[in-house]
Amino acid sequence: MHLPIGTFLLVGAAELGTLLLGGRERIEPALPLVLPLMVLSALSAFLLGHMLAHGGGYPPQLLLVHRRLALCAVLGSSLCLGAWTYHAQVDSRASRWIYRALLALSLGALSVGAHFGGAITHGKRTCRSTRLPPSSPCWVARSCP
């Protein structure tokens, strides 16, 4: 279930890298390979998640929100692939920004959906219920009041 999150983050980081000086020429050729992987992994995880949820035992309201956001992320990844394909044909600034906007929205849906997925499997107050070892860095300890 974590592969789509990794591929989304990879594509997002790659797109961020294209904004840096000189990054576009090095990173852009990899996107046509990674974007279909992102769509396939998101769709696979979505379908497998539905099968897993049919086993029952999950909070229904959290599951509903998680499913809807996951569906938005899957549809968003498909739209990103379509927008990238269009951008590769026309190569305009507007088409690139449309792709970037779709990617940002999809990453947002995925991030919030992943949060609800974590709440389903680990409980709503995971961070607060976790006991941190005394050797934890101070920034970690402060994030879990």
N, C-alpha and C. Protein backbone atom coordinates (compact mmCIF):
# COMPACT_ATOMS: atom_id res chain seq x y z
N MET A 1 0.80 -1.19 0.00
CA MET A 1 0.00 0.00 0.00
C MET A 1 0.85 1.27 0.00
N HIS A 2 2.13 1.14 0.30
CA HIS A 2 2.98 2.32 0.37
C HIS A 2 3.65 2.67 -0.95
N LEU A 3 3.64 1.77 -1.92
CA LEU A 3 4.28 2.04 -3.20
C LEU A 3 3.69 3.26 -3.91
N PRO A 4 2.37 3.44 -3.93
CA PRO A 4 1.84 4.65 -4.59
C PRO A 4 2.30 5.93 -3.92
N ILE A 5 2.40 5.91 -2.60
CA ILE A 5 2.87 7.10 -1.90
C ILE A 5 4.30 7.42 -2.33
N GLY A 6 5.12 6.40 -2.41
CA GLY A 6 6.51 6.60 -2.83
C GLY A 6 6.62 7.10 -4.26
N THR A 7 5.82 6.54 -5.17
CA THR A 7 5.90 6.99 -6.56
C THR A 7 5.34 8.40 -6.71
N PHE A 8 4.27 8.72 -5.98
CA PHE A 8 3.75 10.10 -6.01
C PHE A 8 4.82 11.07 -5.51
N LEU A 9 5.46 10.72 -4.40
CA LEU A 9 6.49 11.60 -3.86
C LEU A 9 7.69 11.71 -4.80
N LEU A 10 8.02 10.61 -5.47
CA LEU A 10 9.10 10.64 -6.45
C LEU A 10 8.77 11.60 -7.59
N VAL A 11 7.55 11.50 -8.11
CA VAL A 11 7.15 12.39 -9.21
C VAL A 11 7.10 13.84 -8.72
N GLY A 12 6.57 14.05 -7.52
CA GLY A 12 6.52 15.41 -6.98
C GLY A 12 7.91 15.99 -6.77
N ALA A 13 8.82 15.19 -6.23
CA ALA A 13 10.19 15.65 -6.04
C ALA A 13 10.89 15.89 -7.38
N ALA A 14 10.60 15.04 -8.35
CA ALA A 14 11.19 15.23 -9.68
C ALA A 14 10.69 16.51 -10.30
N GLU A 15 9.40 16.78 -10.16
CA GLU A 15 8.86 18.02 -10.73
C GLU A 15 9.43 19.23 -10.02
N LEU A 16 9.62 19.13 -8.73
CA LEU A 16 10.27 20.21 -7.99
C LEU A 16 11.70 20.39 -8.48
N GLY A 17 12.36 19.28 -8.79
CA GLY A 17 13.72 19.36 -9.33
C GLY A 17 13.79 20.03 -10.68
N THR A 18 12.71 19.93 -11.47
CA THR A 18 12.72 20.60 -12.78
C THR A 18 12.64 22.10 -12.65
N LEU A 19 12.16 22.57 -11.50
CA LEU A 19 12.09 24.02 -11.28
C LEU A 19 13.45 24.61 -10.93
N LEU A 20 14.35 23.75 -10.47
CA LEU A 20 15.69 24.23 -10.13
C LEU A 20 16.52 24.45 -11.38
N LEU A 21 17.51 25.26 -11.27
CA LEU A 21 18.35 25.60 -12.40
C LEU A 21 19.03 24.36 -12.97
N GLY A 22 18.75 24.05 -14.21
CA GLY A 22 19.39 22.93 -14.89
C GLY A 22 18.78 21.57 -14.61
N GLY A 23 17.79 21.49 -13.76
CA GLY A 23 17.23 20.20 -13.42
C GLY A 23 16.30 19.63 -14.47
N ARG A 24 15.71 20.48 -15.27
CA ARG A 24 14.71 20.02 -16.24
C ARG A 24 15.30 19.05 -17.26
N GLU A 25 16.46 19.34 -17.79
CA GLU A 25 17.07 18.50 -18.83
C GLU A 25 17.43 17.12 -18.30
N ARG A 26 17.79 17.04 -17.03
CA ARG A 26 18.20 15.76 -16.46
C ARG A 26 17.02 14.92 -15.97
N ILE A 27 15.98 15.57 -15.48
CA ILE A 27 14.89 14.85 -14.84
C ILE A 27 13.76 14.54 -15.80
N GLU A 28 13.45 15.45 -16.68
CA GLU A 28 12.29 15.31 -17.55
C GLU A 28 12.26 14.02 -18.36
N PRO A 29 13.37 13.49 -18.85
CA PRO A 29 13.29 12.23 -19.61
C PRO A 29 12.80 11.03 -18.79
N ALA A 30 12.90 11.08 -17.47
CA ALA A 30 12.45 9.96 -16.65
C ALA A 30 10.95 9.98 -16.38
N LEU A 31 10.32 11.13 -16.51
CA LEU A 31 8.90 11.24 -16.17
C LEU A 31 7.99 10.35 -17.01
N PRO A 32 8.22 10.19 -18.32
CA PRO A 32 7.34 9.28 -19.07
C PRO A 32 7.41 7.82 -18.58
N LEU A 33 8.47 7.45 -17.91
CA LEU A 33 8.58 6.11 -17.34
C LEU A 33 7.91 6.02 -15.97
N VAL A 34 8.08 7.05 -15.17
CA VAL A 34 7.60 7.01 -13.78
C VAL A 34 6.11 7.30 -13.68
N LEU A 35 5.58 8.16 -14.53
CA LEU A 35 4.16 8.51 -14.44
C LEU A 35 3.23 7.30 -14.65
N PRO A 36 3.45 6.45 -15.65
CA PRO A 36 2.59 5.26 -15.74
C PRO A 36 2.73 4.34 -14.53
N LEU A 37 3.92 4.24 -13.98
CA LEU A 37 4.13 3.45 -12.76
C LEU A 37 3.31 4.03 -11.62
N MET A 38 3.26 5.35 -11.53
CA MET A 38 2.47 6.01 -10.49
C MET A 38 0.99 5.65 -10.64
N VAL A 39 0.48 5.70 -11.86
CA VAL A 39 -0.94 5.38 -12.10
C VAL A 39 -1.22 3.92 -11.78
N LEU A 40 -0.37 3.02 -12.26
CA LEU A 40 -0.58 1.58 -12.02
C LEU A 40 -0.50 1.22 -10.54
N SER A 41 0.46 1.81 -9.84
CA SER A 41 0.58 1.49 -8.42
C SER A 41 -0.58 2.07 -7.62
N ALA A 42 -1.05 3.27 -7.98
CA ALA A 42 -2.19 3.86 -7.29
C ALA A 42 -3.45 3.04 -7.53
N LEU A 43 -3.67 2.64 -8.77
CA LEU A 43 -4.85 1.84 -9.09
C LEU A 43 -4.80 0.48 -8.40
N SER A 44 -3.64 -0.16 -8.42
CA SER A 44 -3.49 -1.46 -7.76
C SER A 44 -3.75 -1.37 -6.27
N ALA A 45 -3.17 -0.37 -5.62
CA ALA A 45 -3.37 -0.21 -4.18
C ALA A 45 -4.82 0.11 -3.86
N PHE A 46 -5.47 0.89 -4.72
CA PHE A 46 -6.88 1.21 -4.51
C PHE A 46 -7.74 -0.05 -4.56
N LEU A 47 -7.50 -0.87 -5.57
CA LEU A 47 -8.27 -2.11 -5.69
C LEU A 47 -7.98 -3.09 -4.56
N LEU A 48 -6.71 -3.23 -4.22
CA LEU A 48 -6.35 -4.12 -3.11
C LEU A 48 -6.90 -3.61 -1.78
N GLY A 49 -6.93 -2.30 -1.61
CA GLY A 49 -7.50 -1.72 -0.40
C GLY A 49 -8.98 -2.00 -0.28
N HIS A 50 -9.69 -1.96 -1.40
CA HIS A 50 -11.11 -2.31 -1.37
C HIS A 50 -11.30 -3.77 -0.96
N MET A 51 -10.47 -4.63 -1.49
CA MET A 51 -10.57 -6.05 -1.11
C MET A 51 -10.26 -6.24 0.37
N LEU A 52 -9.27 -5.53 0.87
CA LEU A 52 -8.90 -5.63 2.27
C LEU A 52 -10.02 -5.11 3.17
N ALA A 53 -10.66 -4.03 2.76
CA ALA A 53 -11.71 -3.42 3.58
C ALA A 53 -12.95 -4.30 3.67
N HIS A 54 -13.16 -5.15 2.68
CA HIS A 54 -14.33 -6.04 2.73
C HIS A 54 -14.23 -7.06 3.85
N GLY A 55 -13.05 -7.22 4.41
CA GLY A 55 -12.89 -8.12 5.54
C GLY A 55 -13.56 -7.60 6.80
N GLY A 56 -13.83 -6.29 6.84
CA GLY A 56 -14.53 -5.69 7.97
C GLY A 56 -13.60 -5.34 9.11
N GLY A 57 -14.20 -4.80 10.15
CA GLY A 57 -13.45 -4.45 11.34
C GLY A 57 -12.83 -3.06 11.31
N TYR A 58 -13.13 -2.26 10.31
CA TYR A 58 -12.56 -0.92 10.21
C TYR A 58 -13.64 0.11 10.51
N PRO A 59 -13.26 1.25 11.10
CA PRO A 59 -14.24 2.29 11.40
C PRO A 59 -14.88 2.80 10.10
N PRO A 60 -16.20 2.70 9.97
CA PRO A 60 -16.85 3.00 8.69
C PRO A 60 -16.66 4.45 8.22
N GLN A 61 -16.72 5.41 9.14
CA GLN A 61 -16.60 6.80 8.71
C GLN A 61 -15.19 7.11 8.21
N LEU A 62 -14.18 6.62 8.92
CA LEU A 62 -12.80 6.82 8.47
C LEU A 62 -12.55 6.11 7.15
N LEU A 63 -13.11 4.93 7.01
CA LEU A 63 -12.95 4.16 5.79
C LEU A 63 -13.57 4.88 4.60
N LEU A 64 -14.73 5.48 4.80
CA LEU A 64 -15.40 6.21 3.73
C LEU A 64 -14.56 7.40 3.26
N VAL A 65 -14.06 8.17 4.20
CA VAL A 65 -13.23 9.32 3.85
C VAL A 65 -11.95 8.86 3.16
N HIS A 66 -11.33 7.82 3.70
CA HIS A 66 -10.09 7.30 3.11
C HIS A 66 -10.33 6.82 1.68
N ARG A 67 -11.42 6.10 1.45
CA ARG A 67 -11.72 5.61 0.10
C ARG A 67 -11.94 6.75 -0.88
N ARG A 68 -12.67 7.76 -0.46
CA ARG A 68 -12.94 8.89 -1.35
C ARG A 68 -11.67 9.64 -1.72
N LEU A 69 -10.83 9.87 -0.72
CA LEU A 69 -9.58 10.57 -1.01
C LEU A 69 -8.64 9.71 -1.86
N ALA A 70 -8.63 8.41 -1.61
CA ALA A 70 -7.81 7.52 -2.43
C ALA A 70 -8.31 7.52 -3.87
N LEU A 71 -9.62 7.54 -4.06
CA LEU A 71 -10.17 7.61 -5.41
C LEU A 71 -9.77 8.92 -6.09
N CYS A 72 -9.80 10.02 -5.34
CA CYS A 72 -9.34 11.30 -5.90
C CYS A 72 -7.88 11.23 -6.32
N ALA A 73 -7.06 10.56 -5.51
CA ALA A 73 -5.64 10.43 -5.85
C ALA A 73 -5.44 9.56 -7.08
N VAL A 74 -6.21 8.49 -7.21
CA VAL A 74 -6.10 7.61 -8.38
C VAL A 74 -6.53 8.36 -9.64
N LEU A 75 -7.66 9.04 -9.55
CA LEU A 75 -8.13 9.82 -10.71
C LEU A 75 -7.15 10.95 -11.02
N GLY A 76 -6.62 11.57 -9.97
CA GLY A 76 -5.64 12.63 -10.17
C GLY A 76 -4.38 12.13 -10.83
N SER A 77 -3.93 10.94 -10.46
CA SER A 77 -2.72 10.40 -11.09
C SER A 77 -2.97 10.14 -12.58
N SER A 78 -4.17 9.67 -12.89
CA SER A 78 -4.51 9.45 -14.31
C SER A 78 -4.57 10.77 -15.07
N LEU A 79 -5.14 11.79 -14.43
CA LEU A 79 -5.18 13.11 -15.07
C LEU A 79 -3.77 13.68 -15.25
N CYS A 80 -2.90 13.41 -14.28
CA CYS A 80 -1.50 13.86 -14.41
C CYS A 80 -0.82 13.21 -15.61
N LEU A 81 -1.05 11.92 -15.78
CA LEU A 81 -0.46 11.23 -16.93
C LEU A 81 -1.00 11.82 -18.23
N GLY A 82 -2.30 12.07 -18.28
CA GLY A 82 -2.89 12.68 -19.47
C GLY A 82 -2.36 14.09 -19.72
N ALA A 83 -2.24 14.87 -18.65
CA ALA A 83 -1.72 16.24 -18.79
C ALA A 83 -0.26 16.22 -19.23
N TRP A 84 0.52 15.26 -18.71
CA TRP A 84 1.92 15.17 -19.12
C TRP A 84 2.03 14.78 -20.60
N THR A 85 1.20 13.84 -21.02
CA THR A 85 1.20 13.42 -22.42
C THR A 85 0.85 14.60 -23.33
N TYR A 86 -0.15 15.38 -22.92
CA TYR A 86 -0.52 16.57 -23.68
C TYR A 86 0.63 17.58 -23.70
N HIS A 87 1.24 17.78 -22.53
CA HIS A 87 2.36 18.73 -22.46
C HIS A 87 3.53 18.28 -23.34
N ALA A 88 3.77 16.99 -23.39
CA ALA A 88 4.87 16.50 -24.23
C ALA A 88 4.62 16.78 -25.71
N GLN A 89 3.36 16.87 -26.10
CA GLN A 89 3.04 17.15 -27.50
C GLN A 89 3.11 18.64 -27.82
N VAL A 90 2.56 19.49 -26.93
CA VAL A 90 2.49 20.92 -27.24
C VAL A 90 3.64 21.72 -26.66
N ASP A 91 4.24 21.25 -25.56
CA ASP A 91 5.38 21.89 -24.90
C ASP A 91 5.17 23.38 -24.67
N SER A 92 4.10 23.71 -23.96
CA SER A 92 3.84 25.11 -23.62
C SER A 92 3.92 25.29 -22.10
N ARG A 93 4.15 26.52 -21.69
CA ARG A 93 4.21 26.81 -20.26
C ARG A 93 2.88 26.55 -19.59
N ALA A 94 1.79 26.89 -20.27
CA ALA A 94 0.46 26.69 -19.69
C ALA A 94 0.18 25.21 -19.45
N SER A 95 0.54 24.37 -20.42
CA SER A 95 0.28 22.93 -20.24
C SER A 95 1.13 22.37 -19.10
N ARG A 96 2.33 22.90 -18.93
CA ARG A 96 3.18 22.43 -17.84
C ARG A 96 2.59 22.83 -16.48
N TRP A 97 2.05 24.03 -16.39
CA TRP A 97 1.47 24.47 -15.13
C TRP A 97 0.16 23.76 -14.83
N ILE A 98 -0.57 23.38 -15.86
CA ILE A 98 -1.77 22.57 -15.63
C ILE A 98 -1.37 21.22 -15.05
N TYR A 99 -0.32 20.62 -15.63
CA TYR A 99 0.19 19.35 -15.10
C TYR A 99 0.63 19.52 -13.65
N ARG A 100 1.35 20.59 -13.37
CA ARG A 100 1.84 20.82 -12.00
C ARG A 100 0.68 21.02 -11.02
N ALA A 101 -0.35 21.73 -11.45
CA ALA A 101 -1.50 21.94 -10.57
C ALA A 101 -2.21 20.63 -10.29
N LEU A 102 -2.39 19.80 -11.31
CA LEU A 102 -3.02 18.49 -11.11
C LEU A 102 -2.17 17.62 -10.19
N LEU A 103 -0.87 17.68 -10.35
CA LEU A 103 0.03 16.90 -9.50
C LEU A 103 -0.06 17.37 -8.05
N ALA A 104 -0.09 18.68 -7.84
CA ALA A 104 -0.19 19.21 -6.48
C ALA A 104 -1.51 18.81 -5.83
N LEU A 105 -2.61 18.92 -6.56
CA LEU A 105 -3.91 18.51 -6.02
C LEU A 105 -3.94 17.01 -5.71
N SER A 106 -3.36 16.22 -6.60
CA SER A 106 -3.32 14.77 -6.38
C SER A 106 -2.46 14.42 -5.17
N LEU A 107 -1.33 15.10 -5.03
CA LEU A 107 -0.48 14.87 -3.86
C LEU A 107 -1.20 15.27 -2.57
N GLY A 108 -1.97 16.36 -2.63
CA GLY A 108 -2.74 16.77 -1.46
C GLY A 108 -3.77 15.73 -1.08
N ALA A 109 -4.52 15.23 -2.07
CA ALA A 109 -5.53 14.19 -1.80
C ALA A 109 -4.86 12.93 -1.26
N LEU A 110 -3.73 12.57 -1.83
CA LEU A 110 -3.01 11.38 -1.37
C LEU A 110 -2.53 11.55 0.06
N SER A 111 -2.00 12.72 0.38
CA SER A 111 -1.47 12.96 1.72
C SER A 111 -2.55 12.90 2.78
N VAL A 112 -3.66 13.56 2.52
CA VAL A 112 -4.76 13.54 3.50
C VAL A 112 -5.36 12.14 3.57
N GLY A 113 -5.50 11.48 2.42
CA GLY A 113 -6.01 10.11 2.40
C GLY A 113 -5.10 9.16 3.15
N ALA A 114 -3.80 9.34 3.01
CA ALA A 114 -2.85 8.50 3.73
C ALA A 114 -2.95 8.73 5.23
N HIS A 115 -3.21 9.96 5.63
CA HIS A 115 -3.40 10.24 7.05
C HIS A 115 -4.59 9.45 7.58
N PHE A 116 -5.70 9.47 6.85
CA PHE A 116 -6.87 8.72 7.29
C PHE A 116 -6.62 7.21 7.24
N GLY A 117 -5.82 6.75 6.28
CA GLY A 117 -5.45 5.34 6.25
C GLY A 117 -4.65 4.95 7.48
N GLY A 118 -3.74 5.82 7.89
CA GLY A 118 -2.99 5.57 9.12
C GLY A 118 -3.88 5.57 10.35
N ALA A 119 -4.87 6.45 10.35
CA ALA A 119 -5.81 6.49 11.48
C ALA A 119 -6.64 5.21 11.53
N ILE A 120 -6.96 4.64 10.37
CA ILE A 120 -7.72 3.40 10.32
C ILE A 120 -6.92 2.25 10.92
N THR A 121 -5.65 2.14 10.52
CA THR A 121 -4.86 1.00 10.96
C THR A 121 -4.21 1.18 12.32
N HIS A 122 -3.87 2.43 12.68
CA HIS A 122 -3.12 2.65 13.93
C HIS A 122 -3.91 3.39 14.99
N GLY A 123 -5.08 3.88 14.66
CA GLY A 123 -5.87 4.66 15.62
C GLY A 123 -5.69 6.14 15.39
N LYS A 124 -6.67 6.91 15.88
CA LYS A 124 -6.67 8.35 15.64
C LYS A 124 -5.55 9.08 16.36
N ARG A 125 -5.16 8.60 17.51
CA ARG A 125 -4.18 9.33 18.31
C ARG A 125 -2.85 8.58 18.36
N THR A 126 -2.40 8.13 17.21
CA THR A 126 -1.19 7.31 17.14
C THR A 126 0.02 8.01 17.73
N CYS A 127 0.23 9.23 17.35
CA CYS A 127 1.43 9.95 17.79
C CYS A 127 1.44 10.11 19.30
N ARG A 128 0.30 10.40 19.88
CA ARG A 128 0.24 10.62 21.32
C ARG A 128 0.31 9.32 22.11
N SER A 129 -0.09 8.22 21.49
CA SER A 129 -0.09 6.96 22.23
C SER A 129 1.25 6.23 22.10
N THR A 130 2.13 6.72 21.28
CA THR A 130 3.42 6.07 21.07
C THR A 130 4.40 6.50 22.15
N ARG A 131 5.06 5.55 22.73
CA ARG A 131 6.11 5.86 23.71
C ARG A 131 7.42 6.01 22.97
N LEU A 132 8.02 7.16 23.12
CA LEU A 132 9.29 7.42 22.45
C LEU A 132 10.44 7.01 23.36
N PRO A 133 11.48 6.45 22.76
CA PRO A 133 12.65 6.11 23.58
C PRO A 133 13.34 7.38 24.07
N PRO A 134 14.01 7.32 25.21
CA PRO A 134 14.68 8.50 25.76
C PRO A 134 15.73 9.07 24.81
N SER A 135 16.26 8.27 23.90
CA SER A 135 17.29 8.76 22.99
C SER A 135 16.72 9.48 21.78
N SER A 136 15.39 9.69 21.72
CA SER A 136 14.78 10.37 20.56
C SER A 136 15.27 11.81 20.48
N PRO A 137 15.49 12.30 19.25
CA PRO A 137 15.89 13.70 19.10
C PRO A 137 14.81 14.63 19.65
N CYS A 138 15.21 15.82 20.06
CA CYS A 138 14.25 16.73 20.69
C CYS A 138 13.14 17.14 19.73
N TRP A 139 13.42 17.26 18.43
CA TRP A 139 12.37 17.68 17.49
C TRP A 139 11.31 16.61 17.34
N VAL A 140 11.67 15.32 17.53
CA VAL A 140 10.68 14.26 17.48
C VAL A 140 9.84 14.28 18.73
N ALA A 141 10.46 14.46 19.87
CA ALA A 141 9.74 14.48 21.14
C ALA A 141 8.74 15.63 21.18
N ARG A 142 9.09 16.78 20.61
CA ARG A 142 8.17 17.92 20.62
C ARG A 142 6.98 17.71 19.69
N SER A 143 7.13 16.88 18.65
CA SER A 143 6.03 16.67 17.73
C SER A 143 4.97 15.74 18.30
N CYS A 144 5.24 15.08 19.38
CA CYS A 144 4.29 14.17 20.02
C CYS A 144 4.03 14.62 21.44
N PRO A 145 3.10 15.56 21.63
CA PRO A 145 2.88 16.07 22.99
C PRO A 145 2.25 15.02 23.89
